[in-house]
Amino acid sequence: MDLTDAQWRKSSYSGTSGGDCVEVADLPHAVAIRDSKRPEGAALIVGSATFAAFVAATRRA
């Protein structure tokens, strides 16, 4: 999948010190996830419903 035009954003839980960060990009019917330290690296792509369930589960933890 071509992610050249994806609009990436850092997790709201990422600090400002430049440490470990996760970035996400909303896609049609999916969400792309990548390591901000390696933006040229691979991205994990999951369905929107799967990502929403993951976020909901982490909020409950």
PDB file of N, CA and C in Angstrom:
ATOM      1  N   MET A   1       0.853  -1.175   0.000  1.00  0.00           N
ATOM      2  CA  MET A   1       0.000   0.000   0.000  1.00  0.00           C
ATOM      3  C   MET A   1       0.901   1.242   0.000  1.00  0.00           C
ATOM      4  N   ASP A   2       0.595   2.194  -0.833  1.00  0.00           N
ATOM      5  CA  ASP A   2       1.372   3.426  -0.930  1.00  0.00           C
ATOM      6  C   ASP A   2       0.924   4.391   0.168  1.00  0.00           C
ATOM      7  N   LEU A   3       1.855   4.716   1.063  1.00  0.00           N
ATOM      8  CA  LEU A   3       1.551   5.620   2.178  1.00  0.00           C
ATOM      9  C   LEU A   3       2.222   6.982   2.011  1.00  0.00           C
ATOM     10  N   THR A   4       2.641   7.299   0.787  1.00  0.00           N
ATOM     11  CA  THR A   4       3.356   8.545   0.517  1.00  0.00           C
ATOM     12  C   THR A   4       2.568   9.769   0.964  1.00  0.00           C
ATOM     13  N   ASP A   5       1.289   9.789   0.726  1.00  0.00           N
ATOM     14  CA  ASP A   5       0.467  10.957   1.056  1.00  0.00           C
ATOM     15  C   ASP A   5      -0.252  10.831   2.395  1.00  0.00           C
ATOM     16  N   ALA A   6       0.070   9.803   3.169  1.00  0.00           N
ATOM     17  CA  ALA A   6      -0.595   9.612   4.462  1.00  0.00           C
ATOM     18  C   ALA A   6      -0.260  10.774   5.403  1.00  0.00           C
ATOM     19  N   GLN A   7      -1.225  11.190   6.179  1.00  0.00           N
ATOM     20  CA  GLN A   7      -1.065  12.266   7.154  1.00  0.00           C
ATOM     21  C   GLN A   7      -0.798  11.637   8.524  1.00  0.00           C
ATOM     22  N   TRP A   8       0.472  11.564   8.903  1.00  0.00           N
ATOM     23  CA  TRP A   8       0.874  10.907  10.144  1.00  0.00           C
ATOM     24  C   TRP A   8       0.747  11.854  11.320  1.00  0.00           C
ATOM     25  N   ARG A   9       0.390  11.290  12.484  1.00  0.00           N
ATOM     26  CA  ARG A   9       0.352  12.061  13.733  1.00  0.00           C
ATOM     27  C   ARG A   9       0.904  11.194  14.850  1.00  0.00           C
ATOM     28  N   LYS A  10       1.556  11.835  15.814  1.00  0.00           N
ATOM     29  CA  LYS A  10       2.127  11.107  16.942  1.00  0.00           C
ATOM     30  C   LYS A  10       1.047  10.818  17.968  1.00  0.00           C
ATOM     31  N   SER A  11       1.269   9.779  18.711  1.00  0.00           N
ATOM     32  CA  SER A  11       0.367   9.433  19.802  1.00  0.00           C
ATOM     33  C   SER A  11       0.281  10.596  20.781  1.00  0.00           C
ATOM     34  N   SER A  12      -0.892  10.822  21.327  1.00  0.00           N
ATOM     35  CA  SER A  12      -1.053  11.884  22.317  1.00  0.00           C
ATOM     36  C   SER A  12      -0.290  11.566  23.600  1.00  0.00           C
ATOM     37  N   TYR A  13       0.133  10.323  23.773  1.00  0.00           N
ATOM     38  CA  TYR A  13       0.904   9.932  24.947  1.00  0.00           C
ATOM     39  C   TYR A  13       2.408  10.046  24.715  1.00  0.00           C
ATOM     40  N   SER A  14       2.831  10.444  23.524  1.00  0.00           N
ATOM     41  CA  SER A  14       4.250  10.609  23.242  1.00  0.00           C
ATOM     42  C   SER A  14       4.748  11.864  23.938  1.00  0.00           C
ATOM     43  N   GLY A  15       5.906  11.780  24.517  1.00  0.00           N
ATOM     44  CA  GLY A  15       6.501  12.932  25.176  1.00  0.00           C
ATOM     45  C   GLY A  15       7.135  13.876  24.172  1.00  0.00           C
ATOM     46  N   THR A  16       7.629  14.993  24.649  1.00  0.00           N
ATOM     47  CA  THR A  16       8.270  15.984  23.787  1.00  0.00           C
ATOM     48  C   THR A  16       9.786  15.813  23.755  1.00  0.00           C
ATOM     49  N   SER A  17      10.312  14.803  24.431  1.00  0.00           N
ATOM     50  CA  SER A  17      11.757  14.624  24.519  1.00  0.00           C
ATOM     51  C   SER A  17      12.330  13.865  23.330  1.00  0.00           C
ATOM     52  N   GLY A  18      11.521  13.467  22.370  1.00  0.00           N
ATOM     53  CA  GLY A  18      12.009  12.763  21.198  1.00  0.00           C
ATOM     54  C   GLY A  18      12.260  11.293  21.440  1.00  0.00           C
ATOM     55  N   GLY A  19      11.670  10.735  22.462  1.00  0.00           N
ATOM     56  CA  GLY A  19      11.862   9.326  22.778  1.00  0.00           C
ATOM     57  C   GLY A  19      11.042   8.415  21.902  1.00  0.00           C
ATOM     58  N   ASP A  20      10.693   7.281  22.444  1.00  0.00           N
ATOM     59  CA  ASP A  20       9.928   6.283  21.697  1.00  0.00           C
ATOM     60  C   ASP A  20       8.536   6.811  21.390  1.00  0.00           C
ATOM     61  N   CYS A  21       8.210   6.856  20.114  1.00  0.00           N
ATOM     62  CA  CYS A  21       6.907   7.374  19.701  1.00  0.00           C
ATOM     63  C   CYS A  21       6.277   6.461  18.661  1.00  0.00           C
ATOM     64  N   VAL A  22       4.981   6.415  18.715  1.00  0.00           N
ATOM     65  CA  VAL A  22       4.196   5.708  17.719  1.00  0.00           C
ATOM     66  C   VAL A  22       3.448   6.766  16.929  1.00  0.00           C
ATOM     67  N   GLU A  23       3.415   6.594  15.607  1.00  0.00           N
ATOM     68  CA  GLU A  23       2.644   7.482  14.757  1.00  0.00           C
ATOM     69  C   GLU A  23       1.555   6.681  14.066  1.00  0.00           C
ATOM     70  N   VAL A  24       0.418   7.320  13.845  1.00  0.00           N
ATOM     71  CA  VAL A  24      -0.686   6.676  13.157  1.00  0.00           C
ATOM     72  C   VAL A  24      -1.178   7.578  12.022  1.00  0.00           C
ATOM     73  N   ALA A  25      -1.755   6.954  11.021  1.00  0.00           N
ATOM     74  CA  ALA A  25      -2.354   7.685   9.904  1.00  0.00           C
ATOM     75  C   ALA A  25      -3.685   7.021   9.573  1.00  0.00           C
ATOM     76  N   ASP A  26      -4.727   7.827   9.487  1.00  0.00           N
ATOM     77  CA  ASP A  26      -6.035   7.311   9.105  1.00  0.00           C
ATOM     78  C   ASP A  26      -6.069   7.087   7.599  1.00  0.00           C
ATOM     79  N   LEU A  27      -6.541   5.920   7.211  1.00  0.00           N
ATOM     80  CA  LEU A  27      -6.697   5.550   5.810  1.00  0.00           C
ATOM     81  C   LEU A  27      -8.158   5.175   5.593  1.00  0.00           C
ATOM     82  N   PRO A  28      -8.598   5.097   4.352  1.00  0.00           N
ATOM     83  CA  PRO A  28      -9.964   4.626   4.133  1.00  0.00           C
ATOM     84  C   PRO A  28     -10.118   3.196   4.665  1.00  0.00           C
ATOM     85  N   HIS A  29     -10.920   3.018   5.669  1.00  0.00           N
ATOM     86  CA  HIS A  29     -11.244   1.713   6.251  1.00  0.00           C
ATOM     87  C   HIS A  29     -10.080   1.056   6.993  1.00  0.00           C
ATOM     88  N   ALA A  30      -9.011   1.792   7.285  1.00  0.00           N
ATOM     89  CA  ALA A  30      -7.857   1.204   7.970  1.00  0.00           C
ATOM     90  C   ALA A  30      -7.074   2.291   8.696  1.00  0.00           C
ATOM     91  N   VAL A  31      -6.120   1.857   9.507  1.00  0.00           N
ATOM     92  CA  VAL A  31      -5.203   2.753  10.202  1.00  0.00           C
ATOM     93  C   VAL A  31      -3.794   2.193  10.019  1.00  0.00           C
ATOM     94  N   ALA A  32      -2.859   3.058   9.660  1.00  0.00           N
ATOM     95  CA  ALA A  32      -1.457   2.668   9.534  1.00  0.00           C
ATOM     96  C   ALA A  32      -0.724   3.089  10.808  1.00  0.00           C
ATOM     97  N   ILE A  33       0.181   2.247  11.260  1.00  0.00           N
ATOM     98  CA  ILE A  33       0.932   2.491  12.494  1.00  0.00           C
ATOM     99  C   ILE A  33       2.417   2.313  12.169  1.00  0.00           C
ATOM    100  N   ARG A  34       3.253   3.251  12.638  1.00  0.00           N
ATOM    101  CA  ARG A  34       4.694   3.128  12.393  1.00  0.00           C
ATOM    102  C   ARG A  34       5.491   3.680  13.572  1.00  0.00           C
ATOM    103  N   ASP A  35       6.760   3.352  13.586  1.00  0.00           N
ATOM    104  CA  ASP A  35       7.714   3.842  14.575  1.00  0.00           C
ATOM    105  C   ASP A  35       8.237   5.189  14.081  1.00  0.00           C
ATOM    106  N   SER A  36       8.068   6.243  14.871  1.00  0.00           N
ATOM    107  CA  SER A  36       8.481   7.566  14.425  1.00  0.00           C
ATOM    108  C   SER A  36       9.993   7.689  14.258  1.00  0.00           C
ATOM    109  N   LYS A  37      10.741   6.820  14.906  1.00  0.00           N
ATOM    110  CA  LYS A  37      12.196   6.863  14.765  1.00  0.00           C
ATOM    111  C   LYS A  37      12.642   6.287  13.420  1.00  0.00           C
ATOM    112  N   ARG A  38      11.774   5.524  12.771  1.00  0.00           N
ATOM    113  CA  ARG A  38      12.087   4.912  11.477  1.00  0.00           C
ATOM    114  C   ARG A  38      10.919   5.127  10.515  1.00  0.00           C
ATOM    115  N   PRO A  39      10.632   6.372  10.157  1.00  0.00           N
ATOM    116  CA  PRO A  39       9.476   6.629   9.289  1.00  0.00           C
ATOM    117  C   PRO A  39       9.587   5.985   7.914  1.00  0.00           C
ATOM    118  N   GLU A  40      10.798   5.678   7.484  1.00  0.00           N
ATOM    119  CA  GLU A  40      10.972   5.023   6.190  1.00  0.00           C
ATOM    120  C   GLU A  40      10.771   3.512   6.284  1.00  0.00           C
ATOM    121  N   GLY A  41      10.648   3.009   7.508  1.00  0.00           N
ATOM    122  CA  GLY A  41      10.480   1.574   7.726  1.00  0.00           C
ATOM    123  C   GLY A  41       9.058   1.107   7.446  1.00  0.00           C
ATOM    124  N   ALA A  42       8.821  -0.123   7.766  1.00  0.00           N
ATOM    125  CA  ALA A  42       7.513  -0.732   7.521  1.00  0.00           C
ATOM    126  C   ALA A  42       6.440  -0.138   8.423  1.00  0.00           C
ATOM    127  N   ALA A  43       5.220  -0.185   7.947  1.00  0.00           N
ATOM    128  CA  ALA A  43       4.063   0.247   8.724  1.00  0.00           C
ATOM    129  C   ALA A  43       3.118  -0.940   8.877  1.00  0.00           C
ATOM    130  N   LEU A  44       2.508  -1.022  10.023  1.00  0.00           N
ATOM    131  CA  LEU A  44       1.490  -2.028  10.291  1.00  0.00           C
ATOM    132  C   LEU A  44       0.144  -1.413   9.913  1.00  0.00           C
ATOM    133  N   ILE A  45      -0.641  -2.117   9.123  1.00  0.00           N
ATOM    134  CA  ILE A  45      -1.946  -1.616   8.712  1.00  0.00           C
ATOM    135  C   ILE A  45      -3.016  -2.546   9.250  1.00  0.00           C
ATOM    136  N   VAL A  46      -3.945  -1.973  10.016  1.00  0.00           N
ATOM    137  CA  VAL A  46      -5.039  -2.748  10.606  1.00  0.00           C
ATOM    138  C   VAL A  46      -6.365  -2.078  10.262  1.00  0.00           C
ATOM    139  N   GLY A  47      -7.415  -2.850  10.304  1.00  0.00           N
ATOM    140  CA  GLY A  47      -8.745  -2.312  10.050  1.00  0.00           C
ATOM    141  C   GLY A  47      -9.133  -1.269  11.086  1.00  0.00           C
ATOM    142  N   SER A  48      -9.971  -0.335  10.681  1.00  0.00           N
ATOM    143  CA  SER A  48     -10.401   0.734  11.584  1.00  0.00           C
ATOM    144  C   SER A  48     -11.084   0.195  12.837  1.00  0.00           C
ATOM    145  N   ALA A  49     -11.921  -0.813  12.683  1.00  0.00           N
ATOM    146  CA  ALA A  49     -12.616  -1.388  13.837  1.00  0.00           C
ATOM    147  C   ALA A  49     -11.631  -2.080  14.775  1.00  0.00           C
ATOM    148  N   THR A  50     -10.634  -2.744  14.216  1.00  0.00           N
ATOM    149  CA  THR A  50      -9.613  -3.404  15.028  1.00  0.00           C
ATOM    150  C   THR A  50      -8.829  -2.375  15.825  1.00  0.00           C
ATOM    151  N   PHE A  51      -8.451  -1.271  15.182  1.00  0.00           N
ATOM    152  CA  PHE A  51      -7.700  -0.230  15.876  1.00  0.00           C
ATOM    153  C   PHE A  51      -8.543   0.405  16.973  1.00  0.00           C
ATOM    154  N   ALA A  52      -9.809   0.661  16.698  1.00  0.00           N
ATOM    155  CA  ALA A  52     -10.700   1.242  17.703  1.00  0.00           C
ATOM    156  C   ALA A  52     -10.838   0.311  18.904  1.00  0.00           C
ATOM    157  N   ALA A  53     -10.929  -0.991  18.668  1.00  0.00           N
ATOM    158  CA  ALA A  53     -11.011  -1.959  19.772  1.00  0.00           C
ATOM    159  C   ALA A  53      -9.712  -1.969  20.576  1.00  0.00           C
ATOM    160  N   PHE A  54      -8.574  -1.867  19.909  1.00  0.00           N
ATOM    161  CA  PHE A  54      -7.281  -1.807  20.594  1.00  0.00           C
ATOM    162  C   PHE A  54      -7.199  -0.576  21.497  1.00  0.00           C
ATOM    163  N   VAL A  55      -7.562   0.581  20.964  1.00  0.00           N
ATOM    164  CA  VAL A  55      -7.512   1.823  21.752  1.00  0.00           C
ATOM    165  C   VAL A  55      -8.464   1.719  22.951  1.00  0.00           C
ATOM    166  N   ALA A  56      -9.668   1.200  22.737  1.00  0.00           N
ATOM    167  CA  ALA A  56     -10.633   1.060  23.835  1.00  0.00           C
ATOM    168  C   ALA A  56     -10.085   0.119  24.907  1.00  0.00           C
ATOM    169  N   ALA A  57      -9.458  -0.963  24.509  1.00  0.00           N
ATOM    170  CA  ALA A  57      -8.907  -1.923  25.476  1.00  0.00           C
ATOM    171  C   ALA A  57      -7.762  -1.313  26.267  1.00  0.00           C
ATOM    172  N   THR A  58      -6.922  -0.518  25.621  1.00  0.00           N
ATOM    173  CA  THR A  58      -5.811   0.099  26.349  1.00  0.00           C
ATOM    174  C   THR A  58      -6.299   1.167  27.307  1.00  0.00           C
ATOM    175  N   ARG A  59      -7.382   1.823  26.991  1.00  0.00           N
ATOM    176  CA  ARG A  59      -7.949   2.821  27.919  1.00  0.00           C
ATOM    177  C   ARG A  59      -8.510   2.155  29.168  1.00  0.00           C
ATOM    178  N   ARG A  60      -9.024   0.926  29.028  1.00  0.00           N
ATOM    179  CA  ARG A  60      -9.600   0.217  30.178  1.00  0.00           C
ATOM    180  C   ARG A  60      -8.520  -0.382  31.061  1.00  0.00           C
ATOM    181  N   ALA A  61      -7.327  -0.601  30.507  1.00  0.00           N
ATOM    182  CA  ALA A  61      -6.239  -1.272  31.255  1.00  0.00           C
ATOM    183  C   ALA A  61      -5.635  -0.377  32.303  1.00  0.00           C
TER     184      ALA A  61
END
